[in-house]
Amino acid sequence: MNQVTGYTSAAKYKCLEDLQRDSVELCLCYCGWEQCEPGHRFGPNRRRTYVLHFVGGGYGTLEINNRKYRIEKGDAFLIPPETDAWYEADEEEPWFYSWLGFCGVKAKACMDNAGFSLTKPVRRLSCLAQIQELIEKILEEHQLTYKCELRRNAYLMEIMADLVEEYMNDASGMTRIYPGTFYVRHAIDYINDHYKEKIRIADLATYIGVNRSYLTSSFKKATGYSPQEYLMLLRMEKAAELLKKTDLTINDVAASVGYGDQLAFSKIFKQYYGASPKAFRESKEQLVLCAHKGEFGRAGLF
């Protein structure tokens, strides 16, 4: 099994898609831009990631959470994970938009602090031009190298910072930090330091000084994940790194990320990455260059 990423560059469409996860905290999954045809419709469908669209021209319609929104130049709209939505370009003045797909435990907090939610999915932006420039820079760094990966992540972080900064300024310094965030940060720090060990959430809550249900609900509210889910995601990320960058046996990799049972580790790893640890180690990253929209998908590569 090879890890295949697609890069399409056409006159009215440019897209980088199916990027491999490289960070459990905030991870770019795909991005691009398109000058849509009149009436072009996408959806309804559900994504596993957050998706932000930035409208640089024209008009369109978004339907989400049983509401319709008329979208125009300068607007941005969010589609959260596992949410049914569709959007359609105007027949007379179809929109031009850029998009970002991303995931990770910081994704929800970024959107909360940037003023986006399921009930308020649309915002008008004054920083639209610089965000579009940053998305173009991400697309320029499409090669599957460590240097390009770092730059893509840096540009993603810069976009999030711009969105949060503008919203905080518009909201006169209002912050959207949940009361339990202080404890969540301590929990994340503890898990990051002790993921190799056996961690019981009840013991973690006791260590921090709150009850388990409060920690779990606060963690879920702040990140979109439970503490146990975050622990698993972190372990899988660390395991993938060890498989690619070291010669450790699979049993040693499993032990290094807190699993005493190699079979249990392999089962969870396959559920997360879609391949066994052995197949993942032997796989190669491949960048497929396409000249037309949809060519990557029609090839059956994702």
Protein backbone atom coordinates (compact mmCIF):
# COMPACT_ATOMS: atom_id res chain seq x y z
CA MET A 1 0.00 0.00 0.00
CA ASN A 2 1.38 3.38 -1.02
CA GLN A 3 0.33 6.67 0.58
CA VAL A 4 -0.96 8.67 -2.39
CA THR A 5 -1.44 12.44 -2.43
CA GLY A 6 -2.93 14.29 -5.38
CA TYR A 7 -1.93 17.70 -6.73
CA THR A 8 -4.06 19.17 -9.51
CA SER A 9 -3.20 22.41 -11.29
CA ALA A 10 -5.63 23.57 -13.98
CA ALA A 11 -6.75 26.93 -15.35
CA LYS A 12 -9.78 27.26 -13.04
CA TYR A 13 -8.95 24.73 -10.34
CA LYS A 14 -5.99 23.97 -8.11
CA CYS A 15 -6.06 21.41 -5.30
CA LEU A 16 -3.78 19.48 -2.96
CA GLU A 17 -5.68 16.53 -1.52
CA ASP A 18 -5.40 13.44 0.63
CA LEU A 19 -2.40 14.63 2.61
CA GLN A 20 -1.23 12.17 5.23
CA ARG A 21 -1.82 13.11 8.85
CA ASP A 22 1.34 14.50 10.39
CA SER A 23 0.13 16.08 13.63
CA VAL A 24 -2.44 15.07 16.22
CA GLU A 25 -2.86 18.71 17.31
CA LEU A 26 -3.63 20.51 14.02
CA CYS A 27 -3.25 18.84 10.66
CA LEU A 28 -3.84 20.03 7.09
CA CYS A 29 -5.77 17.42 5.08
CA TYR A 30 -6.42 19.25 1.79
CA CYS A 31 -6.72 22.73 0.31
CA GLY A 32 -7.30 24.45 -3.00
CA TRP A 33 -9.22 27.04 -4.99
CA GLU A 34 -11.73 27.01 -7.84
CA GLN A 35 -13.51 29.37 -10.18
CA CYS A 36 -16.81 27.52 -10.20
CA GLU A 37 -19.08 27.02 -13.18
CA PRO A 38 -22.60 28.55 -12.97
CA GLY A 39 -24.84 26.42 -10.75
CA HIS A 40 -22.00 24.11 -9.69
CA ARG A 41 -23.26 22.19 -6.65
CA PHE A 42 -21.38 20.18 -4.04
CA GLY A 43 -23.11 17.91 -1.54
CA PRO A 44 -24.97 17.09 0.48
CA ASN A 45 -22.26 15.02 2.09
CA ARG A 46 -20.44 14.57 5.37
CA ARG A 47 -16.75 15.22 5.90
CA ARG A 48 -14.54 13.73 8.58
CA THR A 49 -12.66 17.02 8.86
CA TYR A 50 -13.40 20.69 9.36
CA VAL A 51 -13.68 22.58 6.06
CA LEU A 52 -13.41 26.36 5.70
CA HIS A 53 -14.27 28.13 2.45
CA PHE A 54 -13.15 31.69 1.66
CA VAL A 55 -15.15 33.45 -1.06
CA GLY A 56 -13.05 35.80 -3.17
CA GLY A 57 -15.68 36.74 -5.74
CA GLY A 58 -19.20 36.08 -6.99
CA TYR A 59 -22.13 34.57 -5.14
CA GLY A 60 -23.45 31.23 -3.94
CA THR A 61 -25.75 29.48 -1.47
CA LEU A 62 -24.94 27.35 1.56
CA GLU A 63 -27.45 25.08 3.29
CA ILE A 64 -26.44 23.68 6.67
CA ASN A 65 -28.19 22.88 9.96
CA ASN A 66 -31.59 23.39 8.26
CA ARG A 67 -30.75 26.97 7.28
CA LYS A 68 -29.84 28.63 3.98
CA TYR A 69 -27.25 31.39 3.65
CA ARG A 70 -26.60 33.71 0.72
CA ILE A 71 -22.82 33.92 0.41
CA GLU A 72 -20.87 36.65 -1.35
CA LYS A 73 -17.36 38.02 -1.80
CA GLY A 74 -15.62 38.53 1.54
CA ASP A 75 -17.53 35.79 3.35
CA ALA A 76 -16.07 32.63 4.86
CA PHE A 77 -18.11 29.59 5.87
CA LEU A 78 -17.40 26.54 8.01
CA ILE A 79 -18.63 22.98 7.60
CA PRO A 80 -17.83 21.02 10.80
CA PRO A 81 -17.08 17.28 10.76
CA GLU A 82 -19.96 14.82 10.37
CA THR A 83 -22.34 17.59 9.32
CA ASP A 84 -24.67 17.41 6.32
CA ALA A 85 -24.31 20.43 4.07
CA TRP A 86 -24.47 21.48 0.44
CA TYR A 87 -23.40 24.60 -1.40
CA GLU A 88 -24.08 25.88 -4.90
CA ALA A 89 -22.62 28.57 -7.15
CA ASP A 90 -24.86 31.36 -8.42
CA GLU A 91 -26.20 30.91 -11.96
CA GLU A 92 -25.34 34.48 -13.00
CA GLU A 93 -22.23 35.31 -10.98
CA PRO A 94 -20.70 32.04 -9.78
CA TRP A 95 -18.30 32.30 -6.91
CA PHE A 96 -14.55 31.92 -6.75
CA TYR A 97 -13.47 30.33 -3.48
CA SER A 98 -10.50 28.83 -1.68
CA TRP A 99 -10.78 26.08 0.91
CA LEU A 100 -8.94 24.39 3.77
CA GLY A 101 -9.67 20.96 5.21
CA PHE A 102 -8.07 20.25 8.58
CA CYS A 103 -8.43 18.17 11.75
CA GLY A 104 -6.78 17.67 15.13
CA VAL A 105 -7.45 18.35 18.79
CA LYS A 106 -6.84 22.09 18.35
CA ALA A 107 -9.19 22.39 15.36
CA LYS A 108 -12.36 22.97 17.38
CA ALA A 109 -10.69 25.50 19.68
CA CYS A 110 -9.36 27.39 16.64
CA MET A 111 -12.84 27.59 15.14
CA ASP A 112 -14.46 28.57 18.45
CA ASN A 113 -11.94 31.36 18.96
CA ALA A 114 -12.32 32.48 15.33
CA GLY A 115 -16.08 32.90 15.74
CA PHE A 116 -17.26 29.90 13.67
CA SER A 117 -19.74 27.29 14.84
CA LEU A 118 -22.55 25.09 13.51
CA THR A 119 -25.10 27.73 14.52
CA LYS A 120 -22.94 30.59 13.17
CA PRO A 121 -21.14 29.05 10.18
CA VAL A 122 -20.69 32.26 8.16
CA ARG A 123 -18.43 35.24 8.89
CA ARG A 124 -17.37 38.29 6.91
CA LEU A 125 -13.60 38.72 6.78
CA SER A 126 -11.33 41.68 6.23
CA CYS A 127 -8.21 39.46 6.13
CA LEU A 128 -9.48 37.48 3.12
CA ALA A 129 -6.74 38.59 0.69
CA GLN A 130 -3.89 37.52 2.97
CA ILE A 131 -5.57 34.18 3.68
CA GLN A 132 -5.90 33.50 -0.04
CA GLU A 133 -2.21 34.35 -0.46
CA LEU A 134 -1.32 31.88 2.30
CA ILE A 135 -3.41 29.14 0.68
CA GLU A 136 -1.55 29.77 -2.58
CA LYS A 137 1.73 29.41 -0.67
CA ILE A 138 0.52 26.08 0.75
CA LEU A 139 -0.23 24.88 -2.77
CA GLU A 140 3.24 25.93 -3.92
CA GLU A 141 4.70 23.66 -1.21
CA HIS A 142 3.04 20.54 -2.62
CA GLN A 143 6.11 18.31 -2.75
CA LEU A 144 6.17 15.44 -0.25
CA THR A 145 9.30 16.59 1.58
CA TYR A 146 9.83 17.40 5.23
CA LYS A 147 10.66 21.01 4.33
CA CYS A 148 7.36 21.43 2.46
CA GLU A 149 5.44 19.74 5.27
CA LEU A 150 6.84 22.22 7.81
CA ARG A 151 6.01 25.18 5.57
CA ARG A 152 2.46 23.95 4.90
CA ASN A 153 1.87 23.61 8.64
CA ALA A 154 3.38 27.04 9.29
CA TYR A 155 1.03 28.66 6.76
CA LEU A 156 -1.94 26.79 8.26
CA MET A 157 -1.04 28.12 11.72
CA GLU A 158 -0.70 31.64 10.31
CA ILE A 159 -4.17 31.43 8.76
CA MET A 160 -5.66 30.30 12.07
CA ALA A 161 -3.88 33.11 13.92
CA ASP A 162 -5.21 35.69 11.43
CA LEU A 163 -8.77 34.40 11.81
CA VAL A 164 -8.60 34.41 15.61
CA GLU A 165 -6.95 37.83 15.74
CA GLU A 166 -9.56 39.43 13.51
CA TYR A 167 -12.45 37.91 15.46
CA MET A 168 -11.02 38.94 18.82
CA ASN A 169 -10.54 42.50 17.53
CA ASP A 170 -14.08 42.59 16.16
CA ALA A 171 -15.41 41.27 19.47
CA SER A 172 -13.60 43.99 21.46
CA GLY A 173 -11.18 41.63 23.12
CA MET A 174 -13.73 38.97 24.01
CA THR A 175 -12.15 35.58 24.59
CA ARG A 176 -13.89 32.26 24.14
CA ILE A 177 -12.08 30.11 26.66
CA TYR A 178 -14.21 27.52 28.39
CA PRO A 179 -14.00 27.35 32.20
CA GLY A 180 -12.50 23.87 32.02
CA THR A 181 -9.76 24.80 29.54
CA PHE A 182 -7.20 25.26 32.33
CA TYR A 183 -7.67 21.62 33.35
CA VAL A 184 -7.72 20.43 29.75
CA ARG A 185 -4.31 21.99 29.11
CA HIS A 186 -2.92 20.21 32.17
CA ALA A 187 -4.45 16.94 30.95
CA ILE A 188 -2.94 17.33 27.48
CA ASP A 189 0.48 18.12 28.94
CA TYR A 190 0.28 15.07 31.21
CA ILE A 191 -0.79 12.75 28.37
CA ASN A 192 1.97 14.13 26.11
CA ASP A 193 4.55 13.35 28.80
CA HIS A 194 3.18 9.94 29.85
CA TYR A 195 1.60 8.41 26.72
CA LYS A 196 4.09 5.51 26.90
CA GLU A 197 2.66 4.49 30.27
CA LYS A 198 -0.66 2.98 31.29
CA ILE A 199 -2.96 5.95 31.82
CA ARG A 200 -6.37 5.66 33.48
CA ILE A 201 -8.58 8.68 32.98
CA ALA A 202 -9.81 8.44 36.58
CA ASP A 203 -6.21 8.65 37.82
CA LEU A 204 -5.53 11.56 35.45
CA ALA A 205 -8.55 13.44 36.81
CA THR A 206 -7.41 12.80 40.38
CA TYR A 207 -3.91 14.02 39.56
CA ILE A 208 -5.31 17.26 38.11
CA GLY A 209 -7.79 17.68 40.95
CA VAL A 210 -11.19 17.37 39.25
CA ASN A 211 -13.69 14.54 38.92
CA ARG A 212 -13.56 12.29 35.88
CA SER A 213 -16.88 13.33 34.33
CA TYR A 214 -15.98 17.03 34.53
CA LEU A 215 -12.57 16.44 32.95
CA THR A 216 -14.06 14.30 30.18
CA SER A 217 -16.83 16.78 29.34
CA SER A 218 -14.42 19.75 29.46
CA PHE A 219 -11.90 17.91 27.27
CA LYS A 220 -14.59 17.00 24.74
CA LYS A 221 -15.96 20.55 24.70
CA ALA A 222 -12.53 22.11 24.17
CA THR A 223 -11.09 19.65 21.65
CA GLY A 224 -13.91 17.55 20.18
CA TYR A 225 -12.21 14.41 21.55
CA SER A 226 -12.38 12.51 24.81
CA PRO A 227 -9.11 12.15 26.80
CA GLN A 228 -9.01 8.46 25.81
CA GLU A 229 -9.44 9.32 22.12
CA TYR A 230 -6.67 11.92 22.34
CA LEU A 231 -4.36 9.38 23.99
CA MET A 232 -5.03 6.89 21.19
CA LEU A 233 -4.46 9.51 18.47
CA LEU A 234 -1.18 10.57 20.03
CA ARG A 235 0.02 6.99 20.38
CA MET A 236 -0.81 6.21 16.76
CA GLU A 237 1.01 9.32 15.54
CA LYS A 238 4.10 8.44 17.57
CA ALA A 239 3.93 4.83 16.37
CA ALA A 240 3.75 5.91 12.72
CA GLU A 241 6.81 8.11 13.22
CA LEU A 242 8.76 5.25 14.80
CA LEU A 243 7.77 2.85 12.02
CA LYS A 244 8.99 5.24 9.33
CA LYS A 245 12.09 6.61 11.00
CA THR A 246 13.53 3.73 13.04
CA ASP A 247 14.34 0.04 12.66
CA LEU A 248 12.57 -0.96 15.86
CA THR A 249 10.58 -4.17 15.67
CA ILE A 250 6.81 -3.81 15.61
CA ASN A 251 6.70 -5.31 19.10
CA ASP A 252 9.17 -2.67 20.32
CA VAL A 253 7.19 0.10 18.59
CA ALA A 254 4.04 -1.11 20.32
CA ALA A 255 5.79 -1.12 23.70
CA SER A 256 7.22 2.35 23.03
CA VAL A 257 3.74 3.83 22.72
CA GLY A 258 2.16 2.05 25.67
CA TYR A 259 0.90 -1.24 24.23
CA GLY A 260 2.06 -4.47 25.86
CA ASP A 261 0.08 -6.57 23.40
CA GLN A 262 1.38 -6.36 19.81
CA LEU A 263 -1.83 -7.84 18.37
CA ALA A 264 -3.98 -5.23 20.10
CA PHE A 265 -1.63 -2.50 18.90
CA SER A 266 -1.70 -3.78 15.31
CA LYS A 267 -5.51 -3.93 15.30
CA ILE A 268 -5.88 -0.34 16.52
CA PHE A 269 -3.14 0.90 14.17
CA LYS A 270 -4.89 -0.66 11.16
CA GLN A 271 -8.21 0.90 12.17
CA TYR A 272 -6.55 4.31 12.29
CA TYR A 273 -4.24 4.18 9.24
CA GLY A 274 -6.01 1.58 7.11
CA ALA A 275 -2.91 -0.62 6.97
CA SER A 276 -1.05 -2.96 9.28
CA PRO A 277 2.13 -1.61 10.94
CA LYS A 278 4.20 -3.80 8.60
CA ALA A 279 2.42 -2.59 5.45
CA PHE A 280 2.60 1.03 6.67
CA ARG A 281 6.35 0.75 7.21
CA GLU A 282 6.87 -0.67 3.73
CA SER A 283 4.61 1.88 2.01
CA LYS A 284 6.00 4.79 0.03
CA GLU A 285 4.63 8.29 -0.26
CA GLN A 286 3.61 9.18 -3.80
CA LEU A 287 2.58 12.52 -5.28
CA VAL A 288 0.26 12.25 -8.30
CA LEU A 289 0.25 15.33 -10.53
CA CYS A 290 -3.02 16.00 -12.36
CA ALA A 291 -3.98 18.54 -15.02
CA HIS A 292 -7.78 18.38 -14.69
CA LYS A 293 -10.27 18.57 -11.84
CA GLY A 294 -11.49 15.13 -10.75
CA GLU A 295 -8.62 13.28 -12.43
CA PHE A 296 -7.17 12.18 -9.08
CA GLY A 297 -10.50 10.74 -7.94
CA ARG A 298 -11.31 9.06 -11.27
CA ALA A 299 -8.00 7.23 -11.09
CA GLY A 300 -9.32 5.48 -7.97
CA LEU A 301 -6.47 6.82 -5.89
CA PHE A 302 -8.51 8.12 -2.96
